[in-house]
C-alpha atoms as a PDB file:
ATOM      1  CA  MET A   1      13.631 -47.420 -18.899  1.00  0.00           C
ATOM      2  CA  ALA A   2      12.606 -48.935 -22.229  1.00  0.00           C
ATOM      3  CA  VAL A   3      12.079 -45.459 -23.700  1.00  0.00           C
ATOM      4  CA  ARG A   4      15.512 -44.342 -22.551  1.00  0.00           C
ATOM      5  CA  GLY A   5      17.089 -47.446 -24.106  1.00  0.00           C
ATOM      6  CA  ALA A   6      15.250 -46.842 -27.391  1.00  0.00           C
ATOM      7  CA  LEU A   7      16.387 -43.208 -27.476  1.00  0.00           C
ATOM      8  CA  ARG A   8      19.966 -44.293 -26.791  1.00  0.00           C
ATOM      9  CA  ARG A   9      19.833 -46.721 -29.715  1.00  0.00           C
ATOM     10  CA  CYS A  10      18.415 -43.993 -31.976  1.00  0.00           C
ATOM     11  CA  VAL A  11      21.253 -41.657 -31.027  1.00  0.00           C
ATOM     12  CA  ARG A  12      23.802 -44.382 -31.779  1.00  0.00           C
ATOM     13  CA  LEU A  13      22.229 -44.966 -35.191  1.00  0.00           C
ATOM     14  CA  LEU A  14      22.153 -41.247 -35.971  1.00  0.00           C
ATOM     15  CA  SER A  15      25.829 -40.957 -35.029  1.00  0.00           C
ATOM     16  CA  TRP A  16      26.623 -43.032 -38.147  1.00  0.00           C
ATOM     17  CA  VAL A  17      24.997 -40.473 -40.469  1.00  0.00           C
ATOM     18  CA  PRO A  18      28.216 -38.385 -40.913  1.00  0.00           C
ATOM     19  CA  VAL A  19      30.149 -41.567 -41.751  1.00  0.00           C
ATOM     20  CA  LEU A  20      27.536 -42.437 -44.375  1.00  0.00           C
ATOM     21  CA  VAL A  21      27.753 -38.898 -45.780  1.00  0.00           C
ATOM     22  CA  VAL A  22      31.542 -39.216 -46.200  1.00  0.00           C
ATOM     23  CA  THR A  23      31.101 -42.665 -47.764  1.00  0.00           C
ATOM     24  CA  ALA A  24      28.439 -41.408 -50.185  1.00  0.00           C
ATOM     25  CA  ALA A  25      30.587 -38.414 -51.173  1.00  0.00           C
ATOM     26  CA  ALA A  26      33.584 -40.703 -51.778  1.00  0.00           C
ATOM     27  CA  LEU A  27      31.533 -43.132 -53.891  1.00  0.00           C
ATOM     28  CA  TRP A  28      30.018 -40.322 -55.942  1.00  0.00           C
ATOM     29  CA  SER A  29      33.445 -38.759 -56.550  1.00  0.00           C
ATOM     30  CA  TYR A  30      34.684 -42.179 -57.677  1.00  0.00           C
ATOM     31  CA  TYR A  31      31.822 -42.488 -60.165  1.00  0.00           C
ATOM     32  CA  ALA A  32      32.166 -38.909 -61.396  1.00  0.00           C
ATOM     33  CA  TYR A  33      35.905 -39.163 -61.936  1.00  0.00           C
ATOM     34  CA  VAL A  34      36.233 -42.720 -63.241  1.00  0.00           C
ATOM     35  CA  VAL A  35      33.064 -43.055 -65.315  1.00  0.00           C
ATOM     36  CA  GLN A  36      32.093 -39.539 -66.314  1.00  0.00           C
ATOM     37  CA  LEU A  37      35.550 -38.028 -66.779  1.00  0.00           C
ATOM     38  CA  CYS A  38      38.018 -40.800 -67.578  1.00  0.00           C
ATOM     39  CA  LEU A  39      35.879 -43.345 -69.417  1.00  0.00           C
ATOM     40  CA  THR A  40      33.410 -40.947 -71.079  1.00  0.00           C
ATOM     41  CA  THR A  41      35.296 -37.704 -71.705  1.00  0.00           C
ATOM     42  CA  LEU A  42      38.978 -38.550 -72.220  1.00  0.00           C
ATOM     43  CA  ASN A  43      39.981 -39.585 -75.725  1.00  0.00           C
ATOM     44  CA  SER A  44      43.618 -40.523 -75.210  1.00  0.00           C
ATOM     45  CA  THR A  45      44.122 -44.110 -74.021  1.00  0.00           C
ATOM     46  CA  ALA A  46      47.455 -43.277 -72.412  1.00  0.00           C
ATOM     47  CA  GLU A  47      45.872 -40.395 -70.530  1.00  0.00           C
ATOM     48  CA  LYS A  48      43.030 -42.637 -69.371  1.00  0.00           C
ATOM     49  CA  VAL A  49      45.410 -45.288 -68.059  1.00  0.00           C
ATOM     50  CA  ALA A  50      47.627 -42.749 -66.283  1.00  0.00           C
ATOM     51  CA  TYR A  51      44.717 -40.885 -64.681  1.00  0.00           C
ATOM     52  CA  LEU A  52      42.947 -44.080 -63.597  1.00  0.00           C
ATOM     53  CA  ALA A  53      46.097 -45.640 -62.146  1.00  0.00           C
ATOM     54  CA  MET A  54      47.045 -42.598 -60.077  1.00  0.00           C
ATOM     55  CA  PHE A  55      43.476 -41.974 -58.959  1.00  0.00           C
ATOM     56  CA  HIS A  56      42.993 -45.553 -57.776  1.00  0.00           C
ATOM     57  CA  VAL A  57      46.223 -45.432 -55.747  1.00  0.00           C
ATOM     58  CA  CYS A  58      45.099 -42.216 -54.010  1.00  0.00           C
ATOM     59  CA  PHE A  59      41.525 -43.415 -53.556  1.00  0.00           C
ATOM     60  CA  GLY A  60      42.635 -46.815 -52.250  1.00  0.00           C
ATOM     61  CA  MET A  61      44.956 -45.306 -49.637  1.00  0.00           C
ATOM     62  CA  PHE A  62      42.263 -42.811 -48.626  1.00  0.00           C
ATOM     63  CA  SER A  63      39.709 -45.607 -48.168  1.00  0.00           C
ATOM     64  CA  TRP A  64      42.155 -47.768 -46.202  1.00  0.00           C
ATOM     65  CA  ALA A  65      43.053 -44.948 -43.811  1.00  0.00           C
ATOM     66  CA  PHE A  66      39.415 -43.858 -43.459  1.00  0.00           C
ATOM     67  CA  TRP A  67      38.070 -47.266 -42.468  1.00  0.00           C
ATOM     68  CA  ARG A  68      41.000 -47.911 -40.117  1.00  0.00           C
ATOM     69  CA  SER A  69      40.185 -44.592 -38.411  1.00  0.00           C
ATOM     70  CA  VAL A  70      36.513 -45.508 -38.131  1.00  0.00           C
ATOM     71  CA  PHE A  71      36.812 -49.077 -36.884  1.00  0.00           C
ATOM     72  CA  THR A  72      39.929 -48.925 -34.681  1.00  0.00           C
ATOM     73  CA  ALA A  73      38.635 -48.828 -31.129  1.00  0.00           C
ATOM     74  CA  PRO A  74      40.316 -46.492 -28.622  1.00  0.00           C
ATOM     75  CA  SER A  75      42.977 -48.092 -26.436  1.00  0.00           C
ATOM     76  CA  SER A  76      42.194 -48.498 -22.746  1.00  0.00           C
ATOM     77  CA  PRO A  77      44.582 -48.451 -19.765  1.00  0.00           C
ATOM     78  CA  SER A  78      46.063 -51.678 -18.468  1.00  0.00           C
ATOM     79  CA  LYS A  79      44.931 -53.305 -15.230  1.00  0.00           C
ATOM     80  CA  GLU A  80      47.761 -51.776 -13.221  1.00  0.00           C
ATOM     81  CA  PHE A  81      45.918 -48.419 -13.282  1.00  0.00           C
ATOM     82  CA  GLN A  82      42.656 -49.947 -12.036  1.00  0.00           C
ATOM     83  CA  LEU A  83      41.918 -50.058  -8.333  1.00  0.00           C
ATOM     84  CA  SER A  84      42.103 -53.501  -6.822  1.00  0.00           C
ATOM     85  CA  SER A  85      39.070 -54.857  -4.972  1.00  0.00           C
ATOM     86  CA  THR A  86      40.797 -54.053  -1.688  1.00  0.00           C
ATOM     87  CA  ASP A  87      41.588 -50.488  -2.763  1.00  0.00           C
ATOM     88  CA  LYS A  88      38.024 -49.997  -4.016  1.00  0.00           C
ATOM     89  CA  GLN A  89      36.704 -51.089  -0.648  1.00  0.00           C
ATOM     90  CA  ARG A  90      39.110 -48.807   1.214  1.00  0.00           C
ATOM     91  CA  TYR A  91      38.190 -45.911  -1.072  1.00  0.00           C
ATOM     92  CA  ALA A  92      34.444 -46.455  -0.642  1.00  0.00           C
ATOM     93  CA  GLN A  93      34.706 -46.693   3.151  1.00  0.00           C
ATOM     94  CA  GLN A  94      36.260 -43.252   3.545  1.00  0.00           C
ATOM     95  CA  ASP A  95      33.864 -40.628   4.823  1.00  0.00           C
ATOM     96  CA  THR A  96      35.795 -37.518   3.835  1.00  0.00           C
ATOM     97  CA  LEU A  97      37.047 -36.300   0.495  1.00  0.00           C
ATOM     98  CA  GLN A  98      40.464 -35.622   1.992  1.00  0.00           C
ATOM     99  CA  ALA A  99      40.829 -39.243   3.104  1.00  0.00           C
ATOM    100  CA  ARG A 100      39.939 -40.492  -0.389  1.00  0.00           C
ATOM    101  CA  ARG A 101      42.525 -38.164  -1.883  1.00  0.00           C
ATOM    102  CA  ARG A 102      45.198 -39.573   0.421  1.00  0.00           C
ATOM    103  CA  ILE A 103      44.377 -43.110  -0.731  1.00  0.00           C
ATOM    104  CA  LEU A 104      44.696 -42.088  -4.383  1.00  0.00           C
ATOM    105  CA  VAL A 105      48.039 -40.399  -3.688  1.00  0.00           C
ATOM    106  CA  GLU A 106      49.250 -43.558  -1.940  1.00  0.00           C
ATOM    107  CA  ILE A 107      48.206 -45.797  -4.849  1.00  0.00           C
ATOM    108  CA  SER A 108      49.647 -43.412  -7.448  1.00  0.00           C
ATOM    109  CA  GLN A 109      53.123 -43.751  -5.911  1.00  0.00           C
ATOM    110  CA  GLU A 110      53.320 -47.147  -7.621  1.00  0.00           C
ATOM    111  CA  LEU A 111      52.330 -45.761 -11.034  1.00  0.00           C
ATOM    112  CA  PRO A 112      54.145 -43.614 -13.643  1.00  0.00           C
ATOM    113  CA  VAL A 113      51.633 -40.747 -13.525  1.00  0.00           C
ATOM    114  CA  HIS A 114      52.695 -37.100 -13.567  1.00  0.00           C
ATOM    115  CA  THR A 115      49.688 -35.047 -14.628  1.00  0.00           C
ATOM    116  CA  ARG A 116      47.262 -33.655 -12.063  1.00  0.00           C
ATOM    117  CA  SER A 117      43.834 -32.091 -12.093  1.00  0.00           C
ATOM    118  CA  ALA A 118      43.536 -28.308 -12.186  1.00  0.00           C
ATOM    119  CA  SER A 119      43.291 -28.348  -8.373  1.00  0.00           C
ATOM    120  CA  GLY A 120      46.494 -30.393  -8.073  1.00  0.00           C
ATOM    121  CA  GLU A 121      44.837 -33.700  -7.186  1.00  0.00           C
ATOM    122  CA  ILE A 122      45.449 -37.191  -8.578  1.00  0.00           C
ATOM    123  CA  ARG A 123      43.284 -37.662 -11.684  1.00  0.00           C
ATOM    124  CA  PHE A 124      40.725 -40.389 -10.986  1.00  0.00           C
ATOM    125  CA  CYS A 125      38.088 -41.793 -13.376  1.00  0.00           C
ATOM    126  CA  HIS A 126      34.947 -42.660 -11.427  1.00  0.00           C
ATOM    127  CA  GLN A 127      33.339 -44.393 -14.419  1.00  0.00           C
ATOM    128  CA  CYS A 128      36.235 -46.828 -14.914  1.00  0.00           C
ATOM    129  CA  GLN A 129      37.429 -46.843 -11.301  1.00  0.00           C
ATOM    130  CA  LEU A 130      41.046 -46.238 -12.219  1.00  0.00           C
ATOM    131  CA  ILE A 131      43.794 -43.686 -11.780  1.00  0.00           C
ATOM    132  CA  LYS A 132      44.089 -41.837 -15.056  1.00  0.00           C
ATOM    133  CA  PRO A 133      47.347 -42.279 -16.970  1.00  0.00           C
ATOM    134  CA  ASP A 134      48.931 -39.169 -18.436  1.00  0.00           C
ATOM    135  CA  ARG A 135      46.966 -37.733 -21.380  1.00  0.00           C
ATOM    136  CA  PHE A 136      43.993 -40.016 -20.620  1.00  0.00           C
ATOM    137  CA  PHE A 137      40.333 -38.929 -20.872  1.00  0.00           C
ATOM    138  CA  PHE A 138      36.978 -40.667 -20.554  1.00  0.00           C
ATOM    139  CA  LEU A 139      35.042 -39.973 -23.749  1.00  0.00           C
ATOM    140  CA  CYS A 140      32.752 -41.817 -26.173  1.00  0.00           C
ATOM    141  CA  ARG A 141      31.621 -44.043 -23.280  1.00  0.00           C
ATOM    142  CA  ALA A 142      35.167 -45.432 -23.147  1.00  0.00           C
ATOM    143  CA  CYS A 143      38.557 -44.889 -21.532  1.00  0.00           C
ATOM    144  CA  VAL A 144      40.757 -43.309 -24.216  1.00  0.00           C
ATOM    145  CA  LEU A 145      44.565 -43.272 -24.002  1.00  0.00           C
ATOM    146  CA  LYS A 146      46.200 -40.096 -25.312  1.00  0.00           C
ATOM    147  CA  MET A 147      42.802 -38.734 -26.261  1.00  0.00           C
ATOM    148  CA  ASP A 148      42.950 -36.132 -29.032  1.00  0.00           C
ATOM    149  CA  HIS A 149      39.305 -35.422 -29.872  1.00  0.00           C
ATOM    150  CA  HIS A 150      36.019 -36.988 -30.894  1.00  0.00           C
ATOM    151  CA  CYS A 151      35.495 -36.886 -34.666  1.00  0.00           C
ATOM    152  CA  PRO A 152      31.810 -37.065 -35.731  1.00  0.00           C
ATOM    153  CA  TRP A 153      32.843 -37.777 -39.338  1.00  0.00           C
ATOM    154  CA  LEU A 154      34.478 -40.988 -38.099  1.00  0.00           C
ATOM    155  CA  ASN A 155      31.979 -41.661 -35.298  1.00  0.00           C
ATOM    156  CA  ASN A 156      34.984 -42.488 -33.176  1.00  0.00           C
ATOM    157  CA  CYS A 157      37.335 -41.021 -30.623  1.00  0.00           C
ATOM    158  CA  VAL A 158      40.766 -40.217 -32.021  1.00  0.00           C
ATOM    159  CA  GLY A 159      43.505 -41.232 -29.624  1.00  0.00           C
ATOM    160  CA  PHE A 160      46.665 -43.254 -29.238  1.00  0.00           C
ATOM    161  CA  SER A 161      45.413 -46.294 -31.178  1.00  0.00           C
ATOM    162  CA  ASN A 162      44.175 -44.453 -34.292  1.00  0.00           C
ATOM    163  CA  TYR A 163      45.751 -40.988 -34.359  1.00  0.00           C
ATOM    164  CA  LYS A 164      48.206 -42.063 -37.055  1.00  0.00           C
ATOM    165  CA  PHE A 165      45.306 -43.423 -39.139  1.00  0.00           C
ATOM    166  CA  PHE A 166      43.478 -40.107 -38.695  1.00  0.00           C
ATOM    167  CA  LEU A 167      46.505 -38.142 -39.933  1.00  0.00           C
ATOM    168  CA  LEU A 168      46.854 -40.432 -42.959  1.00  0.00           C
ATOM    169  CA  PHE A 169      43.128 -40.091 -43.631  1.00  0.00           C
ATOM    170  CA  LEU A 170      43.553 -36.298 -43.791  1.00  0.00           C
ATOM    171  CA  THR A 171      46.722 -36.630 -45.876  1.00  0.00           C
ATOM    172  CA  PHE A 172      45.287 -38.960 -48.514  1.00  0.00           C
ATOM    173  CA  SER A 173      42.009 -37.020 -48.603  1.00  0.00           C
ATOM    174  CA  LEU A 174      43.988 -33.884 -49.386  1.00  0.00           C
ATOM    175  CA  LEU A 175      46.051 -35.774 -51.969  1.00  0.00           C
ATOM    176  CA  CYS A 176      42.873 -37.032 -53.678  1.00  0.00           C
ATOM    177  CA  CYS A 177      41.403 -33.535 -53.783  1.00  0.00           C
ATOM    178  CA  SER A 178      44.651 -32.098 -55.163  1.00  0.00           C
ATOM    179  CA  PHE A 179      44.835 -34.748 -57.876  1.00  0.00           C
ATOM    180  CA  ILE A 180      41.197 -34.237 -58.874  1.00  0.00           C
ATOM    181  CA  ILE A 181      41.630 -30.456 -59.045  1.00  0.00           C
ATOM    182  CA  ALA A 182      44.786 -30.764 -61.159  1.00  0.00           C
ATOM    183  CA  THR A 183      43.245 -33.183 -63.669  1.00  0.00           C
ATOM    184  CA  VAL A 184      39.688 -31.813 -63.806  1.00  0.00           C
ATOM    185  CA  SER A 185      40.713 -28.135 -64.144  1.00  0.00           C
ATOM    186  CA  PRO A 186      41.185 -28.204 -67.976  1.00  0.00           C
ATOM    187  CA  TYR A 187      37.658 -29.543 -68.462  1.00  0.00           C
ATOM    188  CA  PHE A 188      36.254 -27.119 -65.914  1.00  0.00           C
ATOM    189  CA  ILE A 189      37.834 -24.253 -67.893  1.00  0.00           C
ATOM    190  CA  ARG A 190      36.346 -25.601 -71.116  1.00  0.00           C
ATOM    191  CA  LEU A 191      32.964 -25.674 -69.417  1.00  0.00           C
ATOM    192  CA  TRP A 192      33.463 -22.154 -68.116  1.00  0.00           C
ATOM    193  CA  LEU A 193      34.342 -20.900 -71.608  1.00  0.00           C
ATOM    194  CA  GLY A 194      31.157 -22.413 -72.962  1.00  0.00           C
ATOM    195  CA  GLU A 195      32.764 -25.231 -74.928  1.00  0.00           C
ATOM    196  CA  TYR A 196      30.403 -28.081 -75.685  1.00  0.00           C
ATOM    197  CA  LEU A 197      30.266 -30.925 -73.181  1.00  0.00           C
ATOM    198  CA  SER A 198      27.418 -33.355 -72.600  1.00  0.00           C
ATOM    199  CA  SER A 199      24.933 -32.252 -69.929  1.00  0.00           C
ATOM    200  CA  SER A 200      25.798 -35.230 -67.709  1.00  0.00           C
ATOM    201  CA  VAL A 201      29.519 -34.520 -67.865  1.00  0.00           C
ATOM    202  CA  LYS A 202      28.902 -30.799 -67.248  1.00  0.00           C
ATOM    203  CA  LEU A 203      27.055 -31.500 -64.022  1.00  0.00           C
ATOM    204  CA  HIS A 204      29.631 -33.942 -62.671  1.00  0.00           C
ATOM    205  CA  VAL A 205      32.649 -31.861 -63.687  1.00  0.00           C
ATOM    206  CA  LEU A 206      31.152 -28.748 -62.113  1.00  0.00           C
ATOM    207  CA  PHE A 207      30.301 -30.375 -58.779  1.00  0.00           C
ATOM    208  CA  LEU A 208      33.471 -32.468 -58.681  1.00  0.00           C
ATOM    209  CA  MET A 209      35.587 -29.338 -59.037  1.00  0.00           C
ATOM    210  CA  LEU A 210      33.619 -27.309 -56.485  1.00  0.00           C
ATOM    211  CA  VAL A 211      33.477 -30.096 -53.898  1.00  0.00           C
ATOM    212  CA  SER A 212      37.191 -30.854 -54.315  1.00  0.00           C
ATOM    213  CA  LEU A 213      38.092 -27.177 -53.875  1.00  0.00           C
ATOM    214  CA  MET A 214      35.942 -26.907 -50.776  1.00  0.00           C
ATOM    215  CA  PHE A 215      37.484 -29.996 -49.181  1.00  0.00           C
ATOM    216  CA  PHE A 216      40.987 -28.963 -50.288  1.00  0.00           C
ATOM    217  CA  ILE A 217      40.726 -25.681 -48.375  1.00  0.00           C
ATOM    218  CA  THR A 218      39.199 -27.306 -45.281  1.00  0.00           C
ATOM    219  CA  LEU A 219      41.596 -30.252 -45.194  1.00  0.00           C
ATOM    220  CA  SER A 220      44.654 -28.037 -45.747  1.00  0.00           C
ATOM    221  CA  PHE A 221      43.757 -26.019 -42.679  1.00  0.00           C
ATOM    222  CA  LEU A 222      42.948 -29.091 -40.553  1.00  0.00           C
ATOM    223  CA  LEU A 223      46.002 -31.100 -41.619  1.00  0.00           C
ATOM    224  CA  GLY A 224      48.235 -28.071 -41.076  1.00  0.00           C
ATOM    225  CA  ILE A 225      47.016 -27.753 -37.483  1.00  0.00           C
ATOM    226  CA  HIS A 226      47.585 -31.432 -36.742  1.00  0.00           C
ATOM    227  CA  CYS A 227      51.044 -31.439 -38.331  1.00  0.00           C
ATOM    228  CA  TRP A 228      51.935 -28.529 -36.055  1.00  0.00           C
ATOM    229  CA  LEU A 229      50.518 -30.422 -33.064  1.00  0.00           C
ATOM    230  CA  VAL A 230      52.653 -33.464 -33.951  1.00  0.00           C
ATOM    231  CA  THR A 231      55.819 -31.354 -34.069  1.00  0.00           C
ATOM    232  CA  LYS A 232      54.955 -29.952 -30.628  1.00  0.00           C
ATOM    233  CA  ASN A 233      53.781 -33.333 -29.260  1.00  0.00           C
ATOM    234  CA  ARG A 234      50.407 -31.983 -28.202  1.00  0.00           C
ATOM    235  CA  THR A 235      46.925 -33.366 -28.571  1.00  0.00           C
ATOM    236  CA  THR A 236      44.000 -31.169 -29.534  1.00  0.00           C
ATOM    237  CA  ALA A 237      42.801 -31.387 -25.926  1.00  0.00           C
ATOM    238  CA  GLU A 238      46.221 -30.225 -24.655  1.00  0.00           C
ATOM    239  CA  TRP A 239      46.292 -27.418 -27.212  1.00  0.00           C
ATOM    240  CA  LEU A 240      42.942 -26.125 -25.966  1.00  0.00           C
ATOM    241  CA  SER A 241      43.742 -26.697 -22.288  1.00  0.00           C
ATOM    242  CA  ALA A 242      47.289 -27.210 -21.006  1.00  0.00           C
ATOM    243  CA  PRO A 243      47.871 -30.336 -18.862  1.00  0.00           C
ATOM    244  CA  PHE A 244      48.529 -29.712 -15.179  1.00  0.00           C
ATOM    245  CA  PHE A 245      51.504 -30.930 -13.182  1.00  0.00           C
ATOM    246  CA  ARG A 246      52.602 -30.330  -9.608  1.00  0.00           C
ATOM    247  CA  HIS A 247      54.276 -27.126 -10.706  1.00  0.00           C
ATOM    248  CA  GLY A 248      51.171 -25.965 -12.603  1.00  0.00           C
ATOM    249  CA  PRO A 249      50.014 -26.030 -16.237  1.00  0.00           C
ATOM    250  CA  ASP A 250      52.655 -26.831 -18.844  1.00  0.00           C
ATOM    251  CA  GLN A 251      51.581 -27.049 -22.481  1.00  0.00           C
ATOM    252  CA  GLY A 252      55.026 -28.150 -23.666  1.00  0.00           C
ATOM    253  CA  ALA A 253      55.788 -30.815 -21.052  1.00  0.00           C
ATOM    254  CA  PHE A 254      55.640 -33.672 -23.579  1.00  0.00           C
ATOM    255  CA  ASP A 255      57.659 -31.862 -26.259  1.00  0.00           C
ATOM    256  CA  VAL A 256      60.913 -33.847 -26.455  1.00  0.00           C
ATOM    257  CA  GLY A 257      62.213 -32.642 -29.811  1.00  0.00           C
ATOM    258  CA  LEU A 258      60.959 -32.826 -33.387  1.00  0.00           C
ATOM    259  CA  LYS A 259      62.435 -36.235 -34.221  1.00  0.00           C
ATOM    260  CA  GLN A 260      61.150 -37.959 -31.092  1.00  0.00           C
ATOM    261  CA  ASN A 261      57.774 -36.238 -31.346  1.00  0.00           C
ATOM    262  CA  VAL A 262      57.239 -37.565 -34.874  1.00  0.00           C
ATOM    263  CA  ARG A 263      58.459 -41.038 -33.900  1.00  0.00           C
ATOM    264  CA  GLN A 264      55.906 -41.232 -31.094  1.00  0.00           C
ATOM    265  CA  VAL A 265      53.083 -40.939 -33.651  1.00  0.00           C
ATOM    266  CA  PHE A 266      54.503 -42.738 -36.694  1.00  0.00           C
ATOM    267  CA  GLY A 267      56.971 -45.108 -35.065  1.00  0.00           C
ATOM    268  CA  PRO A 268      60.684 -45.793 -35.619  1.00  0.00           C
ATOM    269  CA  GLN A 269      60.246 -47.651 -38.951  1.00  0.00           C
ATOM    270  CA  ARG A 270      59.958 -45.052 -41.709  1.00  0.00           C
ATOM    271  CA  ARG A 271      58.791 -47.581 -44.296  1.00  0.00           C
ATOM    272  CA  LEU A 272      55.533 -47.865 -42.325  1.00  0.00           C
ATOM    273  CA  TRP A 273      54.864 -44.149 -41.949  1.00  0.00           C
ATOM    274  CA  LEU A 274      52.588 -43.837 -44.998  1.00  0.00           C
ATOM    275  CA  LEU A 275      50.770 -47.134 -44.442  1.00  0.00           C
ATOM    276  CA  PRO A 276      47.598 -47.308 -42.294  1.00  0.00           C
ATOM    277  CA  VAL A 277      49.077 -49.977 -40.032  1.00  0.00           C
ATOM    278  CA  PHE A 278      49.741 -49.412 -36.363  1.00  0.00           C
ATOM    279  CA  SER A 279      53.358 -48.425 -35.763  1.00  0.00           C
ATOM    280  CA  SER A 280      53.170 -45.738 -33.057  1.00  0.00           C
ATOM    281  CA  HIS A 281      55.843 -45.838 -30.373  1.00  0.00           C
ATOM    282  CA  GLY A 282      55.046 -46.794 -26.794  1.00  0.00           C
ATOM    283  CA  ASP A 283      51.964 -48.112 -25.042  1.00  0.00           C
ATOM    284  CA  GLY A 284      49.942 -44.900 -24.750  1.00  0.00           C
ATOM    285  CA  GLN A 285      50.307 -44.897 -20.955  1.00  0.00           C
ATOM    286  CA  VAL A 286      53.869 -43.720 -20.284  1.00  0.00           C
ATOM    287  CA  PHE A 287      55.323 -40.756 -22.151  1.00  0.00           C
ATOM    288  CA  PRO A 288      58.754 -39.121 -22.049  1.00  0.00           C
ATOM    289  CA  LEU A 289      58.853 -35.716 -20.407  1.00  0.00           C
ATOM    290  CA  ARG A 290      61.108 -32.735 -20.808  1.00  0.00           C
ATOM    291  CA  ARG A 291      63.788 -32.709 -18.117  1.00  0.00           C
ATOM    292  CA  ARG A 292      62.196 -29.724 -16.376  1.00  0.00           C
ATOM    293  CA  ALA A 293      58.736 -31.304 -16.264  1.00  0.00           C
ATOM    294  CA  ALA A 294      60.157 -34.596 -15.019  1.00  0.00           C
ATOM    295  CA  SER A 295      62.243 -32.987 -12.295  1.00  0.00           C
ATOM    296  CA  ASP A 296      59.239 -30.996 -11.078  1.00  0.00           C
ATOM    297  CA  THR A 297      57.148 -34.122 -10.431  1.00  0.00           C
ATOM    298  CA  PRO A 298      59.131 -36.134  -7.883  1.00  0.00           C
ATOM    299  CA  GLN A 299      56.055 -37.072  -5.906  1.00  0.00           C
ATOM    300  CA  ALA A 300      54.625 -38.838  -8.929  1.00  0.00           C
ATOM    301  CA  LEU A 301      57.499 -41.322  -9.056  1.00  0.00           C
ATOM    302  CA  PRO A 302      56.963 -44.733  -7.445  1.00  0.00           C
ATOM    303  CA  SER A 303      58.720 -44.874  -4.117  1.00  0.00           C
ATOM    304  CA  ASN A 304      59.848 -48.491  -4.389  1.00  0.00           C
ATOM    305  CA  THR A 305      60.828 -48.599  -8.078  1.00  0.00           C
ATOM    306  CA  THR A 306      64.174 -47.829  -9.685  1.00  0.00           C
ATOM    307  CA  TYR A 307      63.998 -45.691 -12.812  1.00  0.00           C
ATOM    308  CA  VAL A 308      66.471 -45.377 -15.608  1.00  0.00           C
ATOM    309  CA  ASP A 309      67.110 -42.516 -17.991  1.00  0.00           C
ATOM    310  CA  GLU A 310      67.247 -44.468 -21.253  1.00  0.00           C
ATOM    311  CA  GLU A 311      67.252 -41.695 -23.848  1.00  0.00           C
ATOM    312  CA  VAL A 312      69.147 -38.898 -22.094  1.00  0.00           C
ATOM    313  CA  LYS A 313      72.449 -40.146 -23.515  1.00  0.00           C
ATOM    314  CA  VAL A 314      71.140 -39.464 -27.006  1.00  0.00           C
ATOM    315  CA  MET A 315      68.852 -36.472 -26.690  1.00  0.00           C
ATOM    316  CA  GLY A 316      70.327 -34.642 -23.731  1.00  0.00           C
ATOM    317  CA  GLU A 317      67.005 -33.097 -22.750  1.00  0.00           C
ATOM    318  CA  LEU A 318      64.860 -36.250 -22.913  1.00  0.00           C
ATOM    319  CA  VAL A 319      63.843 -38.193 -19.836  1.00  0.00           C
ATOM    320  CA  TYR A 320      62.069 -41.556 -20.015  1.00  0.00           C
ATOM    321  CA  LEU A 321      60.448 -42.575 -16.766  1.00  0.00           C
ATOM    322  CA  LYS A 322      60.132 -46.363 -17.043  1.00  0.00           C
ATOM    323  CA  PRO A 323      60.568 -49.055 -14.399  1.00  0.00           C
ATOM    324  CA  LEU A 324      63.836 -50.925 -14.536  1.00  0.00           C
ATOM    325  CA  SER A 325      61.817 -54.159 -14.548  1.00  0.00           C
ATOM    326  CA  SER A 326      60.470 -53.273 -18.004  1.00  0.00           C
ATOM    327  CA  TYR A 327      63.961 -53.695 -19.455  1.00  0.00           C
ATOM    328  CA  VAL A 328      64.541 -57.143 -17.967  1.00  0.00           C
END
């Protein structure tokens, strides 16, 4: 038991290695750009001030978004999705799998859940003892709302609580790389043509350019994929495997239009979109569905709750399934 606990602690420590690698690369790039290029190589004071000011804005926003992505814990479902002590006892006392399924179906009638397992059953998390909300997964030893993926470079699960921070981390990383490439290129060309530069500057300029190009290509591809996923209102998990409903798999069930899709991630206040502060819309447990997907899941609706169609007057094809009590 003690050996297993020690191994678990070692694995947890090793999981921070990628985060330390990213941190070390960021600190080295800061030193190479600020000290070796701007303070040592540039002769024009105006050019130094302009380069340093713009670089520090990009680097500061990158650092802010990165650490928010790393240290923002995944959001967990509220207590209404957890089985009560009575329901847990009823569930445990059932001898057959079919009887347990009937209990879960009965409990789910009181909850706004629409997704099913691949076999058409109510999604139940045995680790957390709760009925899974839509787009929920158990990962990283935690219940994760709107789980997108696990990112080893952040040592964190990316989900509802930090997906916006993750997107901004990619955005500002790409912006930093683009700025470095644009400003370092003239000195890289001078080095390539054999013009004299000090050996220290040569080394840093060469590696700064190559590393920035490598990350620029990788981040462009990754950010492009996630921007496309945002416009389609899909997570990485849903892109790889379509969510199931009563009518079967439907990869576009949560796609409610470009404007609403973007607002779900970045929130209704545009002035907060580029800031690593939480502004995402909703609670990560209830999501609007396309009219077709909503109409095909009548059994998922609570039997004793009145629902209102809040957004249909505006969007036409958008259905919000929320209890009337939530508006009181």
